[in-house]
Protein backbone atom coordinates (compact mmCIF):
# COMPACT_ATOMS: atom_id res chain seq x y z
CA MET A 1 103.33 110.79 70.15
CA PHE A 2 100.93 107.81 70.47
CA GLU A 3 101.69 107.60 74.21
CA SER A 4 100.84 111.28 74.64
CA LEU A 5 97.29 110.65 73.47
CA SER A 6 94.68 110.04 76.11
CA PHE A 7 93.18 106.59 76.55
CA THR A 8 89.90 107.68 74.95
CA LYS A 9 91.62 109.20 71.92
CA ARG A 10 93.82 106.13 71.46
CA TYR A 11 90.76 103.91 71.76
CA VAL A 12 88.81 105.99 69.23
CA LEU A 13 91.78 106.00 66.82
CA ALA A 14 92.16 102.22 67.07
CA LEU A 15 88.44 101.69 66.55
CA THR A 16 88.52 104.04 63.54
CA ILE A 17 91.36 102.06 61.95
CA ILE A 18 89.57 98.77 62.61
CA ALA A 19 86.33 100.20 61.24
CA PHE A 20 88.17 101.40 58.10
CA LEU A 21 89.81 98.01 57.61
CA SER A 22 86.49 96.26 58.20
CA LEU A 23 84.82 98.45 55.56
CA LEU A 24 87.73 97.82 53.20
CA ALA A 25 87.41 94.09 53.79
CA PHE A 26 83.68 94.31 53.15
CA PHE A 27 84.10 96.19 49.86
CA ASN A 28 86.90 93.87 48.79
CA LEU A 29 84.79 90.85 49.57
CA SER A 30 81.84 92.38 47.73
CA LYS A 31 84.09 93.09 44.76
CA LEU A 32 85.49 89.57 44.94
CA LEU A 33 82.02 88.10 44.87
CA SER A 34 80.98 90.40 42.05
CA ILE A 35 84.08 89.62 39.95
CA GLN A 36 83.76 85.92 40.64
CA SER A 37 80.14 86.11 39.57
CA ASN A 38 81.01 87.99 36.36
CA ASP A 39 83.98 85.75 35.64
CA ALA A 40 81.88 82.66 36.20
CA LYS A 41 79.26 84.09 33.88
CA LEU A 42 81.86 84.77 31.18
CA VAL A 43 83.46 81.36 31.60
CA ASN A 44 80.06 79.70 31.40
CA MET A 45 79.10 81.83 28.37
CA SER A 46 82.32 81.07 26.52
CA GLY A 47 82.03 77.42 27.40
CA ASN A 48 78.42 77.46 26.26
CA GLN A 49 79.60 78.72 22.85
CA LYS A 50 81.33 75.36 22.34
CA ILE A 51 78.15 73.48 23.12
CA ILE A 52 76.11 75.72 20.79
CA THR A 53 78.70 75.20 18.01
CA ARG A 54 78.16 71.42 18.21
CA GLU A 55 74.41 71.83 18.39
CA ILE A 56 74.36 74.06 15.28
CA ALA A 57 76.36 71.42 13.39
CA PHE A 58 74.04 68.67 14.65
CA PHE A 59 70.86 70.54 13.75
CA ALA A 60 72.32 71.38 10.32
CA ILE A 61 72.96 67.70 9.59
CA TYR A 62 69.46 66.61 10.56
CA TYR A 63 67.68 69.68 9.19
CA LYS A 64 66.15 70.71 12.51
CA ILE A 65 65.57 74.18 11.25
CA ASP A 66 63.56 75.64 14.11
CA LYS A 67 66.08 74.61 16.74
CA LEU A 68 68.90 75.71 14.48
CA LYS A 69 67.43 79.21 14.34
CA VAL A 70 67.30 79.44 18.14
CA LYS A 71 70.87 78.31 18.59
CA ILE A 72 72.17 80.67 15.90
CA LYS A 73 70.53 83.59 17.66
CA GLU A 74 71.81 82.47 21.06
CA MET A 75 75.40 82.06 19.80
CA GLU A 76 75.23 85.43 18.09
CA GLU A 77 74.04 87.21 21.23
CA ASN A 78 76.67 85.48 23.40
CA HIS A 79 79.40 86.50 20.94
CA LYS A 80 78.24 90.12 20.94
CA THR A 81 78.25 90.14 24.72
CA LEU A 82 81.71 88.59 24.98
CA THR A 83 83.26 90.94 22.41
CA SER A 84 81.51 94.04 23.75
CA LEU A 85 83.22 93.76 27.15
CA GLU A 86 86.65 95.15 27.92
CA LEU A 87 89.11 92.47 26.89
CA SER A 88 92.56 91.75 28.18
CA ASP A 89 95.49 91.66 25.79
CA GLU A 90 95.49 87.87 25.79
CA LEU A 91 91.79 87.75 24.93
CA LYS A 92 92.29 90.40 22.20
CA ASN A 93 94.93 88.13 20.67
CA VAL A 94 92.43 85.26 20.78
CA TYR A 95 89.54 87.21 19.33
CA TYR A 96 91.34 89.63 16.96
CA GLY A 97 94.89 88.36 16.61
CA GLU A 98 96.06 87.14 13.23
CA LYS A 99 96.99 83.72 14.56
CA ILE A 100 93.51 82.74 15.83
CA TYR A 101 91.13 85.60 14.97
CA LEU A 102 88.25 83.94 16.79
CA ASP A 103 85.89 86.85 16.15
CA LYS A 104 86.17 86.43 12.40
CA LYS A 105 85.77 82.65 12.60
CA VAL A 106 82.64 82.90 14.76
CA ARG A 107 81.06 85.49 12.47
CA GLU A 108 81.82 83.35 9.37
CA TYR A 109 80.45 80.27 11.10
CA LEU A 110 77.26 82.11 12.03
CA PHE A 111 77.04 83.57 8.48
CA HIS A 112 77.03 80.13 6.86
CA ALA A 113 74.71 78.74 9.51
CA LYS A 114 72.22 81.55 8.79
CA ARG A 115 72.53 81.06 5.02
CA PHE A 116 71.85 77.37 5.41
CA TYR A 117 68.89 78.11 7.59
CA GLU A 118 67.49 80.67 5.14
CA ASN A 119 68.34 79.11 1.76
CA ARG A 120 69.20 75.48 2.51
CA ASP A 121 72.55 76.18 0.90
CA GLY A 122 74.61 73.01 0.67
CA ARG A 123 77.94 74.82 0.60
CA SER A 124 77.09 76.63 3.79
CA GLN A 125 76.06 73.31 5.34
CA ASN A 126 79.41 71.80 4.35
CA TYR A 127 81.22 74.83 5.82
CA VAL A 128 79.45 74.45 9.13
CA LEU A 129 80.16 70.75 9.34
CA LYS A 130 83.74 71.10 8.20
CA ASN A 131 84.73 74.04 10.52
CA SER A 132 82.79 73.16 13.66
CA GLU A 133 85.60 71.08 15.20
CA SER A 134 88.33 73.65 14.48
CA LEU A 135 86.08 76.38 15.89
CA LEU A 136 85.60 74.28 19.01
CA LEU A 137 89.36 74.21 19.53
CA ASP A 138 89.61 77.99 19.17
CA LEU A 139 86.64 78.51 21.51
CA GLU A 140 88.35 76.22 24.02
CA LYS A 141 91.36 78.55 23.92
CA ALA A 142 89.08 81.47 24.79
CA VAL A 143 87.54 79.46 27.64
CA VAL A 144 90.99 78.68 29.01
CA VAL A 145 91.93 82.38 28.92
CA TYR A 146 88.65 83.37 30.62
CA LEU A 147 89.20 80.74 33.33
CA LYS A 148 92.81 81.77 33.79
CA GLU A 149 91.88 85.46 34.14
CA ALA A 150 89.08 84.61 36.57
CA GLN A 151 91.53 82.70 38.74
CA GLU A 152 94.04 85.54 38.57
CA ASN A 153 91.38 88.10 39.57
CA THR A 154 90.42 85.90 42.49
CA ARG A 155 94.05 85.58 43.59
CA LYS A 156 94.53 89.36 43.43
CA LEU A 157 91.50 90.01 45.58
CA GLN A 158 92.57 87.23 47.95
CA ARG A 159 95.95 88.91 48.31
CA VAL A 160 94.19 92.18 49.08
CA GLU A 161 91.99 90.36 51.61
CA THR A 162 95.09 88.81 53.19
CA PHE A 163 96.70 92.24 53.41
CA ILE A 164 93.57 93.64 55.09
CA LEU A 165 93.50 90.70 57.51
CA ILE A 166 97.17 91.16 58.42
CA SER A 167 96.62 94.90 58.84
CA THR A 168 93.61 94.22 61.09
CA LEU A 169 95.58 91.75 63.19
CA ILE A 170 98.50 94.19 63.49
CA THR A 171 96.06 96.92 64.51
CA LEU A 172 94.50 94.62 67.10
CA LEU A 173 97.97 93.73 68.36
CA PHE A 174 98.87 97.41 68.73
CA GLU A 175 95.50 98.01 70.37
CA ALA A 176 96.18 95.22 72.84
CA LEU A 177 99.74 96.41 73.57
CA PHE A 178 99.15 100.14 73.76
CA ILE A 179 95.50 100.46 74.74
CA PHE A 180 93.99 97.42 76.39
CA MET A 181 97.03 96.27 78.38
CA PRO A 182 97.66 99.75 79.87
CA ALA A 183 93.91 100.13 80.38
CA ASN A 184 93.76 96.70 81.98
CA ARG A 185 96.61 97.66 84.33
CA LYS A 186 94.78 100.86 85.27
CA ILE A 187 91.50 99.01 85.70
CA ASN A 188 93.17 96.35 87.84
CA LYS A 189 94.85 99.02 89.93
CA ARG A 190 91.61 100.92 90.33
CA THR A 191 89.77 97.68 91.09
CA ASN A 192 92.34 96.77 93.73
CA ASP A 193 92.08 100.27 95.18
CA LEU A 194 88.31 99.97 95.29
CA ILE A 195 88.56 96.51 96.85
CA MET A 196 90.94 97.86 99.48
CA GLU A 197 88.64 100.82 100.11
CA LYS A 198 85.67 98.49 100.36
CA GLU A 199 87.56 96.13 102.69
CA PHE A 200 88.63 99.09 104.81
CA SER A 201 85.07 100.42 104.82
CA ASN A 202 83.74 96.96 105.70
CA ALA A 203 86.34 96.62 108.46
CA VAL A 204 85.26 99.97 109.90
CA ILE A 205 81.59 99.00 109.65
CA GLU A 206 82.13 95.51 111.08
CA SER A 207 84.32 96.75 113.93
CA SER A 208 81.85 99.46 114.90
CA THR A 209 80.36 99.13 118.37
CA ASN A 210 77.09 100.38 116.90
CA ALA A 211 74.75 98.54 114.55
CA ILE A 212 75.21 99.86 111.00
CA ILE A 213 72.35 99.13 108.59
CA THR A 214 72.11 100.58 105.09
CA LEU A 215 68.93 100.63 103.01
CA ASP A 216 68.56 101.10 99.27
CA SER A 217 65.92 103.24 97.59
CA ASN A 218 63.43 100.35 97.86
CA PHE A 219 64.09 100.03 101.62
CA LYS A 220 65.87 96.71 101.14
CA ILE A 221 68.71 96.07 103.59
CA ARG A 222 72.12 96.21 101.87
CA THR A 223 74.43 96.22 104.92
CA PHE A 224 73.93 94.44 108.24
CA ASN A 225 77.10 94.43 110.37
CA LYS A 226 78.12 92.12 113.23
CA GLU A 227 76.81 94.43 115.94
CA ALA A 228 73.45 94.53 114.16
CA GLN A 229 73.43 90.74 114.26
CA ASN A 230 74.29 90.81 117.98
CA ILE A 231 71.62 93.39 118.80
CA PHE A 232 68.75 92.08 116.70
CA LYS A 233 69.63 88.32 116.79
CA TYR A 234 69.17 87.99 113.01
CA THR A 235 71.89 86.69 110.66
CA LYS A 236 72.99 88.54 107.54
CA ASP A 237 71.38 85.89 105.32
CA GLU A 238 68.05 86.53 107.04
CA MET A 239 68.19 90.29 106.47
CA LEU A 240 70.25 91.18 103.39
CA ASN A 241 68.32 92.18 100.25
CA LYS A 242 65.03 92.00 102.13
CA SER A 243 62.59 94.70 103.23
CA GLU A 244 62.76 93.71 106.89
CA PHE A 245 63.81 96.98 108.55
CA GLU A 246 60.30 97.76 109.73
CA LYS A 247 60.30 94.42 111.55
CA ILE A 248 63.17 95.47 113.82
CA VAL A 249 62.29 99.19 114.07
CA PRO A 250 58.46 99.18 113.96
CA ASN A 251 57.98 102.95 113.73
CA ILE A 252 60.60 103.53 111.03
CA TYR A 253 58.24 105.28 108.57
CA GLU A 254 56.91 107.62 111.24
CA ILE A 255 60.48 108.40 112.28
CA LEU A 256 61.61 109.07 108.69
CA ASN A 257 58.61 111.29 108.02
CA SER A 258 59.05 113.28 111.22
CA LYS A 259 60.70 116.70 111.41
CA ASN A 260 63.38 115.30 113.73
CA ILE A 261 64.77 112.90 111.13
CA LYS A 262 68.19 114.60 111.27
CA ASN A 263 68.35 114.37 115.06
CA VAL A 264 69.42 111.43 117.18
CA GLN A 265 66.26 109.75 118.47
CA GLU A 266 65.49 107.19 121.15
CA VAL A 267 62.89 104.63 120.03
CA GLU A 268 61.84 101.06 120.74
CA ALA A 269 63.21 98.15 118.70
CA VAL A 270 62.29 94.45 118.47
CA ASN A 271 64.73 91.55 118.09
CA LYS A 272 64.21 88.12 116.53
CA ASN A 273 62.88 86.78 119.86
CA LEU A 274 60.21 89.54 119.79
CA GLU A 275 61.90 91.19 122.79
CA ARG A 276 61.45 94.95 122.87
CA PHE A 277 64.33 97.14 123.96
CA PRO A 278 65.37 100.81 123.70
CA ILE A 279 67.76 102.02 121.01
CA ARG A 280 69.32 105.31 120.00
CA ILE A 281 69.13 105.78 116.23
CA SER A 282 70.39 108.34 113.75
CA PHE A 283 70.13 108.47 109.97
CA GLY A 284 72.39 109.62 107.17
CA THR A 285 72.59 109.32 103.39
CA SER A 286 75.35 108.16 101.08
CA GLY A 287 76.36 110.84 98.62
CA GLU A 288 78.52 108.57 96.46
CA ASN A 289 76.33 105.51 96.05
CA LYS A 290 72.92 106.32 94.61
CA ASP A 291 71.72 102.80 95.42
CA ILE A 292 72.17 103.46 99.14
CA ALA A 293 69.33 105.70 100.24
CA ILE A 294 69.66 105.60 104.04
CA VAL A 295 72.36 104.69 106.54
CA ALA A 296 71.04 103.86 110.00
CA ASN A 297 73.41 104.08 112.97
CA ILE A 298 71.90 102.21 115.91
CA GLN A 299 73.03 101.86 119.51
CA ASP A 300 71.47 99.47 122.04
CA ILE A 301 70.89 101.61 125.15
CA THR A 302 69.36 98.88 127.32
CA LYS A 303 72.31 98.85 129.74
CA GLU A 304 72.44 102.63 129.72
CA LYS A 305 68.76 102.83 130.62
CA LEU A 306 69.25 100.18 133.29
CA ASN A 307 72.21 102.07 134.72
CA ASP A 308 70.10 105.21 134.73
CA LYS A 309 67.36 103.32 136.50
CA ILE A 310 69.79 101.88 139.03
CA LEU A 311 71.32 105.30 139.61
CA GLU A 312 67.84 106.74 139.96
CA GLN A 313 66.95 104.05 142.48
CA GLN A 314 70.19 104.59 144.37
CA SER A 315 69.53 108.30 144.30
CA LYS A 316 66.06 107.68 145.71
CA PHE A 317 67.50 105.49 148.46
CA ALA A 318 70.12 108.12 149.27
CA ALA A 319 67.48 110.86 149.28
CA LEU A 320 65.19 108.75 151.48
CA GLY A 321 68.07 108.04 153.83
CA GLU A 322 68.91 111.73 154.09
CA MET A 323 65.26 112.66 154.53
CA ILE A 324 64.74 110.03 157.23
CA ALA A 325 67.94 111.18 158.94
CA ILE A 326 66.54 114.74 158.97
CA ILE A 327 63.16 113.52 160.25
CA ALA A 328 64.89 111.44 162.91
CA HIS A 329 66.97 114.45 163.96
CA GLN A 330 63.87 116.62 164.11
CA TRP A 331 61.72 114.05 165.92
CA ARG A 332 64.16 112.59 168.45
CA GLN A 333 64.08 115.52 170.83
CA PRO A 334 60.28 116.03 170.73
CA LEU A 335 59.71 112.31 171.16
CA ALA A 336 62.13 112.21 174.08
CA GLN A 337 60.36 115.20 175.60
CA LEU A 338 56.97 113.50 175.18
CA SER A 339 58.32 110.34 176.74
CA PHE A 340 59.68 112.36 179.70
CA ASN A 341 56.28 114.11 180.05
CA CYS A 342 54.50 110.75 180.22
CA MET A 343 56.89 109.58 182.93
CA TYR A 344 56.31 112.85 184.86
CA ILE A 345 52.51 112.42 184.62
CA ARG A 346 52.75 108.86 185.96
CA LYS A 347 54.76 110.09 188.97
CA LYS A 348 52.48 113.02 189.82
CA SER A 349 49.06 111.56 189.06
CA LYS A 350 47.13 109.13 191.25
CA ASP A 351 44.27 108.75 188.74
CA GLU A 352 44.28 105.15 187.39
CA GLU A 353 42.75 106.15 184.04
CA ILE A 354 45.37 108.84 183.47
CA LEU A 355 48.14 106.41 184.43
CA LYS A 356 46.88 103.88 181.84
CA GLU A 357 46.76 106.53 179.09
CA ALA A 358 50.30 107.62 179.99
CA VAL A 359 51.56 104.03 179.59
CA VAL A 360 49.79 103.73 176.20
CA ASN A 361 51.31 107.02 175.03
CA GLU A 362 54.78 105.87 176.07
CA GLU A 363 54.32 102.70 173.97
CA ILE A 364 53.23 104.79 170.95
CA ILE A 365 56.23 107.08 171.34
CA GLN A 366 58.51 104.04 171.61
CA PHE A 367 56.97 102.55 168.43
CA MET A 368 57.54 105.79 166.53
CA SER A 369 61.16 105.90 167.68
CA GLU A 370 61.75 102.28 166.62
CA THR A 371 60.10 102.93 163.25
CA ILE A 372 62.48 105.80 162.56
CA THR A 373 65.41 103.58 163.57
CA ASN A 374 64.22 100.78 161.25
CA PHE A 375 63.94 103.12 158.25
CA GLN A 376 67.34 104.63 159.02
CA ASP A 377 68.92 101.19 159.16
CA PHE A 378 67.15 100.10 155.94
CA TYR A 379 68.20 103.03 153.78
CA LYS A 380 71.64 103.79 155.15
CA LYS A 381 74.72 102.62 153.22
CA THR A 382 76.34 99.53 154.69
CA GLU A 383 79.46 97.51 153.87
CA ASN A 384 79.69 93.81 153.02
CA THR A 385 79.81 91.58 156.07
CA VAL A 386 79.20 87.99 157.13
CA PHE A 387 75.56 87.78 158.21
CA ASN A 388 72.59 85.46 158.53
CA PRO A 389 69.86 86.07 155.89
CA ILE A 390 67.31 86.15 158.73
CA ILE A 391 68.54 89.66 159.50
CA SER A 392 67.63 90.87 155.97
CA ILE A 393 64.20 89.21 156.09
CA GLU A 394 63.33 90.80 159.46
CA GLN A 395 64.66 94.14 158.28
CA ALA A 396 62.37 94.07 155.21
CA LEU A 397 59.36 92.91 157.24
CA LYS A 398 59.72 95.81 159.66
CA ILE A 399 59.29 98.19 156.69
CA VAL A 400 56.14 96.53 155.33
CA ASP A 401 54.65 95.47 158.68
CA SER A 402 52.10 98.27 158.78
CA ILE A 403 51.26 97.80 155.05
CA LEU A 404 50.62 94.11 155.61
CA ARG A 405 48.32 94.88 158.51
CA LEU A 406 46.56 97.64 156.56
CA ASN A 407 45.79 95.25 153.66
CA GLU A 408 44.94 92.38 156.05
CA VAL A 409 47.64 90.16 154.56
CA THR A 410 48.37 87.02 156.56
CA LEU A 411 52.12 86.56 156.90
CA ILE A 412 53.41 83.01 157.39
CA LYS A 413 57.06 82.64 158.38
CA GLU A 414 58.95 79.34 158.37
CA ILE A 415 62.48 80.52 159.05
CA ASP A 416 65.14 78.04 160.08
CA SER A 417 68.72 78.77 159.06
CA GLN A 418 71.97 78.69 160.99
CA ILE A 419 74.40 79.24 158.10
CA LYS A 420 75.82 82.69 157.40
CA ILE A 421 76.72 84.24 154.04
CA TYR A 422 79.01 87.05 152.93
CA GLY A 423 77.51 90.15 151.33
CA ASN A 424 75.48 93.26 151.91
CA SER A 425 72.55 92.60 154.25
CA ASN A 426 70.74 95.76 153.11
CA SER A 427 70.90 94.64 149.46
CA LEU A 428 69.28 91.32 150.33
CA ALA A 429 66.69 93.17 152.45
CA HIS A 430 65.88 95.39 149.43
CA ILE A 431 65.33 92.26 147.27
CA VAL A 432 63.00 90.71 149.86
CA LEU A 433 61.14 94.02 150.17
CA SER A 434 60.83 94.28 146.36
CA ILE A 435 59.26 90.80 146.03
CA ILE A 436 56.90 91.33 148.99
CA GLN A 437 55.89 94.77 147.73
CA ASN A 438 55.18 93.28 144.25
CA SER A 439 52.92 90.70 145.89
CA ILE A 440 51.10 93.37 147.92
CA ASP A 441 50.58 95.50 144.79
CA ILE A 442 49.05 92.57 142.86
CA ILE A 443 46.93 91.54 145.88
CA LYS A 444 45.50 95.06 145.99
CA LEU A 445 45.11 95.19 142.18
CA ASN A 446 43.28 91.85 141.97
CA LYS A 447 41.35 92.47 145.24
CA ILE A 448 42.34 89.07 146.61
CA GLU A 449 40.25 87.82 149.52
CA ASN A 450 42.15 86.33 152.47
CA PRO A 451 45.57 87.26 151.02
CA ILE A 452 48.58 85.25 152.20
CA ILE A 453 52.32 85.78 151.86
CA GLN A 454 54.53 82.91 153.01
CA ILE A 455 58.27 83.23 153.66
CA THR A 456 60.46 80.16 154.21
CA LEU A 457 64.20 79.97 154.82
CA LYS A 458 66.04 76.69 155.09
CA ASP A 459 69.52 75.26 154.78
CA THR A 460 70.57 72.57 152.29
CA LYS A 461 73.93 70.96 151.57
CA GLU A 462 74.93 73.60 148.99
CA TYR A 463 72.52 76.51 149.39
CA ILE A 464 70.48 78.59 151.75
CA ILE A 465 67.07 78.64 150.08
CA LEU A 466 64.81 81.65 150.55
CA CYS A 467 61.27 81.15 149.23
CA ILE A 468 58.51 83.80 149.01
CA LYS A 469 55.08 82.82 147.71
CA ASP A 470 51.60 84.35 147.62
CA ASN A 471 48.03 83.66 146.49
CA ALA A 472 47.73 86.77 144.28
CA GLY A 473 46.78 84.90 141.08
CA GLY A 474 50.17 84.10 139.53
CA ILE A 475 52.48 85.63 136.94
CA LYS A 476 50.85 86.59 133.62
CA ILE A 477 54.02 86.98 131.55
CA GLU A 478 54.91 84.18 129.10
CA PRO A 479 57.46 82.70 129.38
CA ILE A 480 57.73 83.34 133.11
CA SER A 481 61.54 83.75 132.87
CA ASP A 482 60.93 87.01 131.00
CA ILE A 483 59.82 88.60 134.27
CA PHE A 484 63.51 89.06 135.10
CA LYS A 485 64.20 90.91 131.81
CA PRO A 486 64.45 94.69 131.88
CA PHE A 487 61.47 96.85 130.91
CA ASN A 488 59.11 93.86 131.11
CA THR A 489 56.10 94.19 133.38
CA LYS A 490 52.36 93.58 133.34
CA LYS A 491 51.59 95.70 136.41
CA GLU A 492 49.57 98.87 135.98
CA LYS A 493 51.38 100.46 138.93
CA SER A 494 55.16 100.41 139.14
CA SER A 495 56.82 98.87 142.16
CA THR A 496 58.56 100.94 144.83
CA GLY A 497 61.25 98.22 145.02
CA ILE A 498 64.41 97.96 142.90
CA GLY A 499 62.82 95.68 140.30
CA LEU A 500 63.22 91.98 139.55
CA TYR A 501 65.90 92.51 136.90
CA MET A 502 68.15 94.37 139.33
CA SER A 503 67.27 91.87 142.06
CA LYS A 504 68.55 89.10 139.79
CA MET A 505 71.71 91.07 139.01
CA ILE A 506 72.42 91.71 142.72
CA ILE A 507 71.88 88.04 143.62
CA LYS A 508 74.11 86.94 140.74
CA ASN A 509 76.91 89.51 141.12
CA GLN A 510 77.02 90.11 144.87
CA PHE A 511 75.95 86.75 146.28
CA LYS A 512 76.90 84.44 143.33
CA GLY A 513 73.42 82.97 143.60
CA SER A 514 70.31 82.71 141.45
CA ILE A 515 66.59 83.44 141.54
CA GLU A 516 63.71 81.56 139.94
CA ALA A 517 60.00 82.24 139.54
CA LYS A 518 57.09 79.92 138.88
CA ASN A 519 53.35 79.81 139.16
CA ILE A 520 51.77 77.67 141.86
CA GLU A 521 48.14 76.97 142.64
CA GLY A 522 46.49 80.33 143.09
CA GLY A 523 49.66 82.39 143.06
CA ALA A 524 53.37 82.77 142.38
CA GLU A 525 56.56 81.57 144.05
CA PHE A 526 60.01 83.19 144.01
CA THR A 527 62.97 81.04 145.10
CA ILE A 528 66.38 82.53 145.87
CA PHE A 529 69.43 80.21 146.03
CA LEU A 530 72.29 81.65 148.10
CA PRO A 531 75.45 79.50 148.04
CA HIS A 532 77.24 78.93 151.35
């Protein structure tokens, strides 16, 4: 039956029993104290009667009448009090039994004491003096009985108190066996289940390829998984229980207050090194835990954006290649026809001026044909081969030749290399073009007078070193190495090249080389190391 009760009912029943026993113990203790107090009072009063008996005899001998009167009254009042209370059988025998009859003896003693006090009766004085000692013995018997009964009352209440204590301990034992131990087992099981759930949840969160960050109602960070540490470069100790979310997602309050809060959004984030990068973020709430207000699911989309940019660039190159192929197809025949017409004019005409113009026109037509060929070669897809880097440099310079002349840029070439490398010559040409085009853009932006671009190529024991430098004013980004990071530029106009980040990736992945940048007097210098 007890087992069929619910835990709450069993707990309430046990507490009720303990409460009842506690109240019983309290009342018993109160009664014990009260009885002990009364018994002590009675014992003291009966014992005091002995002292008063002696004092009455003493005052009667020495005729101390005033003090005698006080003691007679005190003894009389004490006797009335003692005899007015409910007496046990043993006390009745002491006070009213034929053997002792203490009540009668006390009253006779007080009678003679009063008569002596009032009349100075000698017989009464003799009675007092003669019977005081025997009365003392009888009073002592009453004291003994009072003390004995007080001790017995105390023992009875102590036995009751012991019974209550044992009952309380038994109740506590039953409570421990049938309530707390089963409850403890359930609590331990539930705790273990919760721990396992938490460990599983933590394992899921920690193994996520996305950054998972949870915020409480005060916007303090409660969860900061491994991927969040990888993305934002902060440790858990630096972020947990701190209101630092705005530091890594600067526009968080605007995002949360926007109408698109439930949608996945692409925003800019900042890591510990103050590097800005794109993220994709979505928000949710925890329905179970009221302390968790917001769950942020964050994905670093830097590589995705870079891939998109690379694909966009490749798409541009492919589109340019196709467009140039179409232009070349459309222009070849007209250009050939114009060239044939110039040759025909030179054969038929005898006019020197016309002959000179025909020669000039043939040179222009030839230049246009070569320009189309150069662009076709630059943008067409090529396979990896063994080649000399000089080919890539010349290929890039053919593309920007007219731009250099237009902007009056002095080109200095110091090219001396005999060693060949393996790779894609067009890729290297694109990198050279990108760096030169960046220099031209900054020269135009800063309106540099007497602009110079210098290209050097030389062989060393381990590398072929390609160096491109200008006098355009230098690199403004600090530190300079950040110029090779994605989405990092100080130019107002974007480059038409493939970008320094992708240039670095191509040099590293395709050619197993490296690229460095530094400021020199009046400009910047890019150095490319291509291993043999």
